[in-house]
Amino acid sequence: MLEPDPKVVRELLTRYATLRIAQAERPRPAVTRELTDVSYTLCVMLATTSVHEAVARADALLLAKGRATPEACPADADGESGLSLAV
């Protein structure tokens, strides 16, 4: 199985989280459609049928890629808390 590009996965996770927040604050049809599209893309990219499973796999992939790179920065050095985006 091909492994997705971590940069693309991170961008999709960021977009997914942003859309979830926007939808919670003020539900709108355009946001709902885009959230559906991003969720579908995550599922396809990570070979899952559930967006929750896709987010968990994406988190695991990004965590594994971060550890596999010798020159990777510690999680808190680049402003990230290291917390999962899983919902």
PDB file of N, CA and C in Angstrom:
ATOM      1  N   MET A   1       0.838  -1.180   0.000  1.00  0.00           N
ATOM      2  CA  MET A   1       0.000   0.000   0.000  1.00  0.00           C
ATOM      3  C   MET A   1       0.884   1.245   0.000  1.00  0.00           C
ATOM      4  N   LEU A   2       0.518   2.220  -0.791  1.00  0.00           N
ATOM      5  CA  LEU A   2       1.255   3.478  -0.823  1.00  0.00           C
ATOM      6  C   LEU A   2       0.963   4.278   0.435  1.00  0.00           C
ATOM      7  N   GLU A   3       1.979   4.977   0.892  1.00  0.00           N
ATOM      8  CA  GLU A   3       1.818   5.809   2.080  1.00  0.00           C
ATOM      9  C   GLU A   3       1.607   7.260   1.653  1.00  0.00           C
ATOM     10  N   PRO A   4       0.595   7.912   2.237  1.00  0.00           N
ATOM     11  CA  PRO A   4       0.340   9.303   1.854  1.00  0.00           C
ATOM     12  C   PRO A   4       1.454  10.244   2.295  1.00  0.00           C
ATOM     13  N   ASP A   5       1.592  11.328   1.573  1.00  0.00           N
ATOM     14  CA  ASP A   5       2.580  12.357   1.901  1.00  0.00           C
ATOM     15  C   ASP A   5       2.193  13.009   3.231  1.00  0.00           C
ATOM     16  N   PRO A   6       3.091  12.985   4.225  1.00  0.00           N
ATOM     17  CA  PRO A   6       2.777  13.577   5.530  1.00  0.00           C
ATOM     18  C   PRO A   6       2.364  15.048   5.458  1.00  0.00           C
ATOM     19  N   LYS A   7       2.929  15.802   4.528  1.00  0.00           N
ATOM     20  CA  LYS A   7       2.546  17.214   4.394  1.00  0.00           C
ATOM     21  C   LYS A   7       1.084  17.347   3.979  1.00  0.00           C
ATOM     22  N   VAL A   8       0.670  16.522   3.049  1.00  0.00           N
ATOM     23  CA  VAL A   8      -0.714  16.554   2.586  1.00  0.00           C
ATOM     24  C   VAL A   8      -1.652  16.108   3.710  1.00  0.00           C
ATOM     25  N   VAL A   9      -1.250  15.080   4.440  1.00  0.00           N
ATOM     26  CA  VAL A   9      -2.053  14.587   5.553  1.00  0.00           C
ATOM     27  C   VAL A   9      -2.211  15.683   6.609  1.00  0.00           C
ATOM     28  N   ARG A  10      -1.124  16.348   6.934  1.00  0.00           N
ATOM     29  CA  ARG A  10      -1.184  17.430   7.937  1.00  0.00           C
ATOM     30  C   ARG A  10      -2.097  18.561   7.460  1.00  0.00           C
ATOM     31  N   GLU A  11      -2.009  18.911   6.188  1.00  0.00           N
ATOM     32  CA  GLU A  11      -2.872  19.964   5.639  1.00  0.00           C
ATOM     33  C   GLU A  11      -4.346  19.567   5.716  1.00  0.00           C
ATOM     34  N   LEU A  12      -4.638  18.310   5.391  1.00  0.00           N
ATOM     35  CA  LEU A  12      -6.021  17.841   5.471  1.00  0.00           C
ATOM     36  C   LEU A  12      -6.528  17.824   6.910  1.00  0.00           C
ATOM     37  N   LEU A  13      -5.693  17.395   7.834  1.00  0.00           N
ATOM     38  CA  LEU A  13      -6.091  17.394   9.247  1.00  0.00           C
ATOM     39  C   LEU A  13      -6.358  18.808   9.746  1.00  0.00           C
ATOM     40  N   THR A  14      -5.520  19.734   9.339  1.00  0.00           N
ATOM     41  CA  THR A  14      -5.713  21.129   9.730  1.00  0.00           C
ATOM     42  C   THR A  14      -7.017  21.659   9.158  1.00  0.00           C
ATOM     43  N   ARG A  15      -7.256  21.365   7.897  1.00  0.00           N
ATOM     44  CA  ARG A  15      -8.495  21.824   7.256  1.00  0.00           C
ATOM     45  C   ARG A  15      -9.709  21.176   7.916  1.00  0.00           C
ATOM     46  N   TYR A  16      -9.613  19.898   8.221  1.00  0.00           N
ATOM     47  CA  TYR A  16     -10.711  19.179   8.878  1.00  0.00           C
ATOM     48  C   TYR A  16     -11.034  19.824  10.231  1.00  0.00           C
ATOM     49  N   ALA A  17     -10.008  20.082  11.030  1.00  0.00           N
ATOM     50  CA  ALA A  17     -10.214  20.692  12.344  1.00  0.00           C
ATOM     51  C   ALA A  17     -10.822  22.090  12.213  1.00  0.00           C
ATOM     52  N   THR A  18     -10.329  22.874  11.277  1.00  0.00           N
ATOM     53  CA  THR A  18     -10.844  24.225  11.054  1.00  0.00           C
ATOM     54  C   THR A  18     -12.316  24.189  10.660  1.00  0.00           C
ATOM     55  N   LEU A  19     -12.667  23.269   9.784  1.00  0.00           N
ATOM     56  CA  LEU A  19     -14.054  23.150   9.343  1.00  0.00           C
ATOM     57  C   LEU A  19     -14.968  22.657  10.459  1.00  0.00           C
ATOM     58  N   ARG A  20     -14.469  21.742  11.273  1.00  0.00           N
ATOM     59  CA  ARG A  20     -15.274  21.267  12.418  1.00  0.00           C
ATOM     60  C   ARG A  20     -15.585  22.425  13.358  1.00  0.00           C
ATOM     61  N   ILE A  21     -14.598  23.263  13.614  1.00  0.00           N
ATOM     62  CA  ILE A  21     -14.802  24.422  14.479  1.00  0.00           C
ATOM     63  C   ILE A  21     -15.805  25.384  13.844  1.00  0.00           C
ATOM     64  N   ALA A  22     -15.620  25.669  12.563  1.00  0.00           N
ATOM     65  CA  ALA A  22     -16.533  26.582  11.857  1.00  0.00           C
ATOM     66  C   ALA A  22     -17.962  26.043  11.875  1.00  0.00           C
ATOM     67  N   GLN A  23     -18.105  24.757  11.690  1.00  0.00           N
ATOM     68  CA  GLN A  23     -19.429  24.134  11.680  1.00  0.00           C
ATOM     69  C   GLN A  23     -20.073  24.192  13.064  1.00  0.00           C
ATOM     70  N   ALA A  24     -19.271  24.023  14.108  1.00  0.00           N
ATOM     71  CA  ALA A  24     -19.800  24.090  15.467  1.00  0.00           C
ATOM     72  C   ALA A  24     -20.229  25.514  15.835  1.00  0.00           C
ATOM     73  N   GLU A  25     -19.468  26.491  15.344  1.00  0.00           N
ATOM     74  CA  GLU A  25     -19.778  27.885  15.653  1.00  0.00           C
ATOM     75  C   GLU A  25     -21.002  28.388  14.908  1.00  0.00           C
ATOM     76  N   ARG A  26     -21.083  28.050  13.629  1.00  0.00           N
ATOM     77  CA  ARG A  26     -22.200  28.543  12.812  1.00  0.00           C
ATOM     78  C   ARG A  26     -22.405  27.596  11.624  1.00  0.00           C
ATOM     79  N   PRO A  27     -23.334  26.668  11.751  1.00  0.00           N
ATOM     80  CA  PRO A  27     -23.582  25.716  10.659  1.00  0.00           C
ATOM     81  C   PRO A  27     -24.030  26.425   9.379  1.00  0.00           C
ATOM     82  N   ARG A  28     -23.347  26.087   8.282  1.00  0.00           N
ATOM     83  CA  ARG A  28     -23.692  26.638   6.964  1.00  0.00           C
ATOM     84  C   ARG A  28     -23.546  25.527   5.933  1.00  0.00           C
ATOM     85  N   PRO A  29     -24.377  25.532   4.905  1.00  0.00           N
ATOM     86  CA  PRO A  29     -24.309  24.488   3.881  1.00  0.00           C
ATOM     87  C   PRO A  29     -22.938  24.376   3.202  1.00  0.00           C
ATOM     88  N   ALA A  30     -22.307  25.495   2.917  1.00  0.00           N
ATOM     89  CA  ALA A  30     -21.000  25.453   2.236  1.00  0.00           C
ATOM     90  C   ALA A  30     -19.950  24.787   3.117  1.00  0.00           C
ATOM     91  N   VAL A  31     -19.981  25.080   4.407  1.00  0.00           N
ATOM     92  CA  VAL A  31     -19.029  24.464   5.339  1.00  0.00           C
ATOM     93  C   VAL A  31     -19.317  22.972   5.457  1.00  0.00           C
ATOM     94  N   THR A  32     -20.587  22.612   5.500  1.00  0.00           N
ATOM     95  CA  THR A  32     -20.972  21.201   5.577  1.00  0.00           C
ATOM     96  C   THR A  32     -20.461  20.436   4.368  1.00  0.00           C
ATOM     97  N   ARG A  33     -20.632  21.016   3.182  1.00  0.00           N
ATOM     98  CA  ARG A  33     -20.146  20.349   1.951  1.00  0.00           C
ATOM     99  C   ARG A  33     -18.633  20.183   1.979  1.00  0.00           C
ATOM    100  N   GLU A  34     -17.925  21.236   2.358  1.00  0.00           N
ATOM    101  CA  GLU A  34     -16.464  21.152   2.377  1.00  0.00           C
ATOM    102  C   GLU A  34     -15.982  20.162   3.436  1.00  0.00           C
ATOM    103  N   LEU A  35     -16.643  20.138   4.589  1.00  0.00           N
ATOM    104  CA  LEU A  35     -16.288  19.186   5.641  1.00  0.00           C
ATOM    105  C   LEU A  35     -16.514  17.754   5.157  1.00  0.00           C
ATOM    106  N   THR A  36     -17.597  17.542   4.440  1.00  0.00           N
ATOM    107  CA  THR A  36     -17.863  16.217   3.863  1.00  0.00           C
ATOM    108  C   THR A  36     -16.766  15.827   2.877  1.00  0.00           C
ATOM    109  N   ASP A  37     -16.366  16.762   2.022  1.00  0.00           N
ATOM    110  CA  ASP A  37     -15.305  16.495   1.038  1.00  0.00           C
ATOM    111  C   ASP A  37     -13.974  16.174   1.721  1.00  0.00           C
ATOM    112  N   VAL A  38     -13.602  16.965   2.706  1.00  0.00           N
ATOM    113  CA  VAL A  38     -12.327  16.745   3.401  1.00  0.00           C
ATOM    114  C   VAL A  38     -12.367  15.411   4.155  1.00  0.00           C
ATOM    115  N   SER A  39     -13.490  15.112   4.786  1.00  0.00           N
ATOM    116  CA  SER A  39     -13.638  13.842   5.507  1.00  0.00           C
ATOM    117  C   SER A  39     -13.492  12.665   4.546  1.00  0.00           C
ATOM    118  N   TYR A  40     -14.152  12.758   3.398  1.00  0.00           N
ATOM    119  CA  TYR A  40     -14.058  11.703   2.390  1.00  0.00           C
ATOM    120  C   TYR A  40     -12.613  11.534   1.917  1.00  0.00           C
ATOM    121  N   THR A  41     -11.946  12.634   1.643  1.00  0.00           N
ATOM    122  CA  THR A  41     -10.558  12.579   1.176  1.00  0.00           C
ATOM    123  C   THR A  41      -9.661  11.926   2.216  1.00  0.00           C
ATOM    124  N   LEU A  42      -9.830  12.281   3.480  1.00  0.00           N
ATOM    125  CA  LEU A  42      -9.049  11.650   4.544  1.00  0.00           C
ATOM    126  C   LEU A  42      -9.291  10.146   4.574  1.00  0.00           C
ATOM    127  N   CYS A  43     -10.553   9.751   4.468  1.00  0.00           N
ATOM    128  CA  CYS A  43     -10.879   8.322   4.493  1.00  0.00           C
ATOM    129  C   CYS A  43     -10.241   7.571   3.326  1.00  0.00           C
ATOM    130  N   VAL A  44     -10.331   8.144   2.139  1.00  0.00           N
ATOM    131  CA  VAL A  44      -9.743   7.495   0.960  1.00  0.00           C
ATOM    132  C   VAL A  44      -8.223   7.438   1.090  1.00  0.00           C
ATOM    133  N   MET A  45      -7.623   8.554   1.468  1.00  0.00           N
ATOM    134  CA  MET A  45      -6.172   8.631   1.559  1.00  0.00           C
ATOM    135  C   MET A  45      -5.605   7.639   2.591  1.00  0.00           C
ATOM    136  N   LEU A  46      -6.363   7.410   3.664  1.00  0.00           N
ATOM    137  CA  LEU A  46      -5.861   6.557   4.737  1.00  0.00           C
ATOM    138  C   LEU A  46      -6.543   5.193   4.769  1.00  0.00           C
ATOM    139  N   ALA A  47      -7.288   4.877   3.705  1.00  0.00           N
ATOM    140  CA  ALA A  47      -7.927   3.569   3.525  1.00  0.00           C
ATOM    141  C   ALA A  47      -8.808   3.182   4.710  1.00  0.00           C
ATOM    142  N   THR A  48      -9.715   4.073   5.071  1.00  0.00           N
ATOM    143  CA  THR A  48     -10.659   3.798   6.150  1.00  0.00           C
ATOM    144  C   THR A  48     -12.077   4.098   5.672  1.00  0.00           C
ATOM    145  N   THR A  49     -13.046   3.672   6.456  1.00  0.00           N
ATOM    146  CA  THR A  49     -14.442   3.976   6.152  1.00  0.00           C
ATOM    147  C   THR A  49     -15.033   4.933   7.173  1.00  0.00           C
ATOM    148  N   SER A  50     -14.248   5.320   8.153  1.00  0.00           N
ATOM    149  CA  SER A  50     -14.706   6.227   9.208  1.00  0.00           C
ATOM    150  C   SER A  50     -13.732   7.388   9.334  1.00  0.00           C
ATOM    151  N   VAL A  51     -14.266   8.602   9.416  1.00  0.00           N
ATOM    152  CA  VAL A  51     -13.386   9.763   9.551  1.00  0.00           C
ATOM    153  C   VAL A  51     -12.639   9.714  10.881  1.00  0.00           C
ATOM    154  N   HIS A  52     -13.264   9.159  11.913  1.00  0.00           N
ATOM    155  CA  HIS A  52     -12.577   9.049  13.206  1.00  0.00           C
ATOM    156  C   HIS A  52     -11.360   8.133  13.102  1.00  0.00           C
ATOM    157  N   GLU A  53     -11.524   7.034  12.392  1.00  0.00           N
ATOM    158  CA  GLU A  53     -10.400   6.117  12.170  1.00  0.00           C
ATOM    159  C   GLU A  53      -9.341   6.775  11.277  1.00  0.00           C
ATOM    160  N   ALA A  54      -9.779   7.524  10.284  1.00  0.00           N
ATOM    161  CA  ALA A  54      -8.834   8.210   9.392  1.00  0.00           C
ATOM    162  C   ALA A  54      -7.994   9.223  10.161  1.00  0.00           C
ATOM    163  N   VAL A  55      -8.627   9.973  11.052  1.00  0.00           N
ATOM    164  CA  VAL A  55      -7.895  10.958  11.853  1.00  0.00           C
ATOM    165  C   VAL A  55      -6.901  10.242  12.775  1.00  0.00           C
ATOM    166  N   ALA A  56      -7.314   9.142  13.366  1.00  0.00           N
ATOM    167  CA  ALA A  56      -6.411   8.385  14.235  1.00  0.00           C
ATOM    168  C   ALA A  56      -5.217   7.842  13.444  1.00  0.00           C
ATOM    169  N   ARG A  57      -5.470   7.309  12.257  1.00  0.00           N
ATOM    170  CA  ARG A  57      -4.374   6.811  11.414  1.00  0.00           C
ATOM    171  C   ARG A  57      -3.459   7.946  10.959  1.00  0.00           C
ATOM    172  N   ALA A  58      -4.048   9.069  10.644  1.00  0.00           N
ATOM    173  CA  ALA A  58      -3.250  10.233  10.236  1.00  0.00           C
ATOM    174  C   ALA A  58      -2.344  10.673  11.377  1.00  0.00           C
ATOM    175  N   ASP A  59      -2.892  10.732  12.581  1.00  0.00           N
ATOM    176  CA  ASP A  59      -2.078  11.082  13.751  1.00  0.00           C
ATOM    177  C   ASP A  59      -0.926  10.102  13.930  1.00  0.00           C
ATOM    178  N   ALA A  60      -1.225   8.815  13.802  1.00  0.00           N
ATOM    179  CA  ALA A  60      -0.188   7.788  13.960  1.00  0.00           C
ATOM    180  C   ALA A  60       0.882   7.919  12.875  1.00  0.00           C
ATOM    181  N   LEU A  61       0.452   8.180  11.647  1.00  0.00           N
ATOM    182  CA  LEU A  61       1.393   8.350  10.537  1.00  0.00           C
ATOM    183  C   LEU A  61       2.311   9.538  10.789  1.00  0.00           C
ATOM    184  N   LEU A  62       1.734  10.655  11.189  1.00  0.00           N
ATOM    185  CA  LEU A  62       2.544  11.849  11.430  1.00  0.00           C
ATOM    186  C   LEU A  62       3.472  11.667  12.621  1.00  0.00           C
ATOM    187  N   LEU A  63       3.008  10.989  13.634  1.00  0.00           N
ATOM    188  CA  LEU A  63       3.851  10.716  14.791  1.00  0.00           C
ATOM    189  C   LEU A  63       5.018   9.806  14.403  1.00  0.00           C
ATOM    190  N   ALA A  64       4.729   8.773  13.623  1.00  0.00           N
ATOM    191  CA  ALA A  64       5.777   7.847  13.183  1.00  0.00           C
ATOM    192  C   ALA A  64       6.786   8.555  12.282  1.00  0.00           C
ATOM    193  N   LYS A  65       6.307   9.397  11.388  1.00  0.00           N
ATOM    194  CA  LYS A  65       7.214  10.121  10.493  1.00  0.00           C
ATOM    195  C   LYS A  65       8.077  11.098  11.280  1.00  0.00           C
ATOM    196  N   GLY A  66       7.525  11.706  12.290  1.00  0.00           N
ATOM    197  CA  GLY A  66       8.285  12.638  13.121  1.00  0.00           C
ATOM    198  C   GLY A  66       9.397  11.942  13.875  1.00  0.00           C
ATOM    199  N   ARG A  67       9.137  10.746  14.326  1.00  0.00           N
ATOM    200  CA  ARG A  67      10.147   9.976  15.065  1.00  0.00           C
ATOM    201  C   ARG A  67      11.185   9.365  14.140  1.00  0.00           C
ATOM    202  N   ALA A  68      10.794   9.098  12.890  1.00  0.00           N
ATOM    203  CA  ALA A  68      11.710   8.448  11.960  1.00  0.00           C
ATOM    204  C   ALA A  68      12.754   9.412  11.409  1.00  0.00           C
ATOM    205  N   THR A  69      12.503  10.701  11.503  1.00  0.00           N
ATOM    206  CA  THR A  69      13.423  11.693  10.971  1.00  0.00           C
ATOM    207  C   THR A  69      14.410  12.110  12.055  1.00  0.00           C
ATOM    208  N   PRO A  70      15.703  11.845  11.876  1.00  0.00           N
ATOM    209  CA  PRO A  70      16.684  12.163  12.905  1.00  0.00           C
ATOM    210  C   PRO A  70      16.745  13.644  13.242  1.00  0.00           C
ATOM    211  N   GLU A  71      16.524  14.505  12.245  1.00  0.00           N
ATOM    212  CA  GLU A  71      16.631  15.937  12.509  1.00  0.00           C
ATOM    213  C   GLU A  71      15.293  16.561  12.906  1.00  0.00           C
ATOM    214  N   ALA A  72      14.304  15.733  13.199  1.00  0.00           N
ATOM    215  CA  ALA A  72      12.994  16.261  13.593  1.00  0.00           C
ATOM    216  C   ALA A  72      13.092  17.043  14.896  1.00  0.00           C
ATOM    217  N   CYS A  73      12.345  18.135  14.954  1.00  0.00           N
ATOM    218  CA  CYS A  73      12.331  18.983  16.143  1.00  0.00           C
ATOM    219  C   CYS A  73      11.435  18.359  17.200  1.00  0.00           C
ATOM    220  N   PRO A  74      11.731  18.610  18.461  1.00  0.00           N
ATOM    221  CA  PRO A  74      10.815  18.159  19.496  1.00  0.00           C
ATOM    222  C   PRO A  74       9.451  18.807  19.286  1.00  0.00           C
ATOM    223  N   ALA A  75       8.399  18.134  19.718  1.00  0.00           N
ATOM    224  CA  ALA A  75       7.033  18.588  19.451  1.00  0.00           C
ATOM    225  C   ALA A  75       6.790  20.011  19.917  1.00  0.00           C
ATOM    226  N   ASP A  76       7.297  20.389  21.078  1.00  0.00           N
ATOM    227  CA  ASP A  76       7.002  21.718  21.582  1.00  0.00           C
ATOM    228  C   ASP A  76       7.916  22.794  20.996  1.00  0.00           C
ATOM    229  N   ALA A  77       8.960  22.432  20.286  1.00  0.00           N
ATOM    230  CA  ALA A  77       9.877  23.427  19.724  1.00  0.00           C
ATOM    231  C   ALA A  77       9.244  24.169  18.548  1.00  0.00           C
ATOM    232  N   ASP A  78       8.341  23.499  17.812  1.00  0.00           N
ATOM    233  CA  ASP A  78       7.727  24.167  16.666  1.00  0.00           C
ATOM    234  C   ASP A  78       6.307  24.635  16.953  1.00  0.00           C
ATOM    235  N   GLY A  79       5.984  24.709  18.227  1.00  0.00           N
ATOM    236  CA  GLY A  79       4.686  25.237  18.616  1.00  0.00           C
ATOM    237  C   GLY A  79       3.573  24.221  18.680  1.00  0.00           C
ATOM    238  N   GLU A  80       3.884  22.965  18.422  1.00  0.00           N
ATOM    239  CA  GLU A  80       2.864  21.943  18.491  1.00  0.00           C
ATOM    240  C   GLU A  80       2.925  21.264  19.843  1.00  0.00           C
ATOM    241  N   SER A  81       1.769  20.917  20.363  1.00  0.00           N
ATOM    242  CA  SER A  81       1.704  20.325  21.692  1.00  0.00           C
ATOM    243  C   SER A  81       1.929  18.829  21.659  1.00  0.00           C
ATOM    244  N   GLY A  82       1.862  18.216  20.488  1.00  0.00           N
ATOM    245  CA  GLY A  82       1.986  16.770  20.399  1.00  0.00           C
ATOM    246  C   GLY A  82       0.677  16.064  20.677  1.00  0.00           C
ATOM    247  N   LEU A  83      -0.409  16.818  20.856  1.00  0.00           N
ATOM    248  CA  LEU A  83      -1.715  16.227  21.118  1.00  0.00           C
ATOM    249  C   LEU A  83      -2.328  15.725  19.837  1.00  0.00           C
ATOM    250  N   SER A  84      -3.092  14.667  19.941  1.00  0.00           N
ATOM    251  CA  SER A  84      -3.774  14.082  18.812  1.00  0.00           C
ATOM    252  C   SER A  84      -4.896  14.992  18.329  1.00  0.00           C
ATOM    253  N   LEU A  85      -5.161  14.963  17.038  1.00  0.00           N
ATOM    254  CA  LEU A  85      -6.288  15.683  16.479  1.00  0.00           C
ATOM    255  C   LEU A  85      -7.527  14.809  16.433  1.00  0.00           C
ATOM    256  N   ALA A  86      -7.412  13.580  16.924  1.00  0.00           N
ATOM    257  CA  ALA A  86      -8.530  12.653  16.884  1.00  0.00           C
ATOM    258  C   ALA A  86      -9.745  13.251  17.590  1.00  0.00           C
ATOM    259  N   VAL A  87     -10.898  12.982  16.996  1.00  0.00           N
ATOM    260  CA  VAL A  87     -12.146  13.500  17.566  1.00  0.00           C
ATOM    261  C   VAL A  87     -13.037  12.376  18.017  1.00  0.00           C
TER     262      VAL A  87
END
